Amino acid sequence: MLYIPCPWCGPRDETEFRYGGEAGVAYPADPDAVDDAAWSEYLFVRSNPKGWFEERWVHTSGCRRWFTVRRHTVSYEIRDPRPIGEST
């Protein structure tokens, strides 16, 4: 079982959350001007590191807020929960 530490509600069971993907992926400034190849890369190409990875989560069964955590992709250890936009 994975426990995710919500910055507002504290540690909760993973079933209370929904995964939001890799943190720090910027939405295209002008999506209408992006060609199919660039749009495809934005949608589907993500880092897949072995080690620490920043990702977004939303606490759907609690405060319903989005936040960022650092998760180790091998051990699933989670560190540094923080509101989106705040640095560690």
Protein backbone atom coordinates (compact mmCIF):
# COMPACT_ATOMS: atom_id res chain seq x y z
CA MET A 1 0.00 0.00 0.00
CA LEU A 2 1.29 3.45 -0.89
CA TYR A 3 0.66 6.37 1.45
CA ILE A 4 0.79 9.80 -0.15
CA PRO A 5 1.42 12.83 2.08
CA CYS A 6 -1.06 15.57 1.14
CA PRO A 7 0.39 18.96 2.16
CA TRP A 8 -2.96 19.94 3.70
CA CYS A 9 -4.48 16.67 4.97
CA GLY A 10 -1.39 14.63 5.87
CA PRO A 11 -0.59 11.03 4.82
CA ARG A 12 -3.50 9.18 3.22
CA ASP A 13 -4.06 5.94 1.34
CA GLU A 14 -3.28 6.09 -2.38
CA THR A 15 -6.92 5.30 -3.25
CA GLU A 16 -7.84 8.87 -2.20
CA PHE A 17 -5.68 10.38 -4.97
CA ARG A 18 -5.42 10.57 -8.75
CA TYR A 19 -2.13 10.76 -10.59
CA GLY A 20 -1.55 13.91 -12.65
CA GLY A 21 1.66 13.06 -14.47
CA GLU A 22 5.13 14.47 -14.60
CA ALA A 23 5.55 17.86 -12.92
CA GLY A 24 6.97 20.78 -14.84
CA VAL A 25 5.67 19.92 -18.33
CA ALA A 26 4.63 23.25 -19.78
CA TYR A 27 1.47 23.53 -21.87
CA PRO A 28 2.26 24.96 -25.33
CA ALA A 29 1.91 28.77 -25.36
CA ASP A 30 -0.05 28.70 -28.63
CA PRO A 31 -1.56 25.20 -29.05
CA ASP A 32 -3.15 26.09 -32.39
CA ALA A 33 0.29 26.80 -33.86
CA VAL A 34 1.82 23.47 -32.75
CA ASP A 35 2.24 20.82 -35.46
CA ASP A 36 1.17 17.19 -34.98
CA ALA A 37 4.67 15.95 -34.12
CA ALA A 38 5.20 18.58 -31.41
CA TRP A 39 1.68 18.03 -30.02
CA SER A 40 2.29 14.28 -29.90
CA GLU A 41 5.56 14.84 -28.04
CA TYR A 42 3.82 17.11 -25.53
CA LEU A 43 1.09 14.53 -24.89
CA PHE A 44 3.05 11.29 -24.81
CA VAL A 45 6.80 11.77 -24.30
CA ARG A 46 7.81 11.85 -20.64
CA SER A 47 10.87 11.10 -18.58
CA ASN A 48 11.17 7.57 -17.30
CA PRO A 49 14.06 7.76 -14.84
CA LYS A 50 15.27 5.13 -12.46
CA GLY A 51 15.40 7.23 -9.33
CA TRP A 52 13.79 10.45 -8.12
CA PHE A 53 10.97 11.88 -10.20
CA GLU A 54 8.70 14.91 -9.65
CA GLU A 55 5.02 14.27 -10.24
CA ARG A 56 1.62 15.84 -9.64
CA TRP A 57 -1.25 14.39 -7.63
CA VAL A 58 -4.74 15.58 -6.72
CA HIS A 59 -6.44 14.62 -3.45
CA THR A 60 -9.81 13.70 -4.97
CA SER A 61 -11.33 12.20 -1.79
CA GLY A 62 -10.05 14.91 0.51
CA CYS A 63 -9.25 18.58 0.01
CA ARG A 64 -9.36 18.27 -3.84
CA ARG A 65 -6.14 20.26 -4.19
CA TRP A 66 -3.28 19.60 -6.62
CA PHE A 67 0.28 19.26 -5.34
CA THR A 68 3.74 18.08 -6.33
CA VAL A 69 5.83 15.32 -4.73
CA ARG A 70 9.18 13.68 -5.39
CA ARG A 71 8.81 9.89 -5.74
CA HIS A 72 11.57 7.33 -6.14
CA THR A 73 10.56 5.09 -9.07
CA VAL A 74 12.27 2.00 -7.63
CA SER A 75 11.48 2.18 -3.90
CA TYR A 76 8.27 4.30 -4.19
CA GLU A 77 9.50 6.48 -1.34
CA ILE A 78 7.74 9.86 -1.44
CA ARG A 79 9.31 13.13 -0.27
CA ASP A 80 8.74 16.87 -0.35
CA PRO A 81 4.96 17.25 -0.77
CA ARG A 82 4.20 20.86 -1.63
CA PRO A 83 1.60 23.01 -3.36
CA ILE A 84 2.16 23.48 -7.10
CA GLY A 85 4.53 26.37 -7.73
CA GLU A 86 6.44 26.09 -4.47
CA SER A 87 10.02 24.83 -4.61
CA THR A 88 11.68 22.42 -2.20
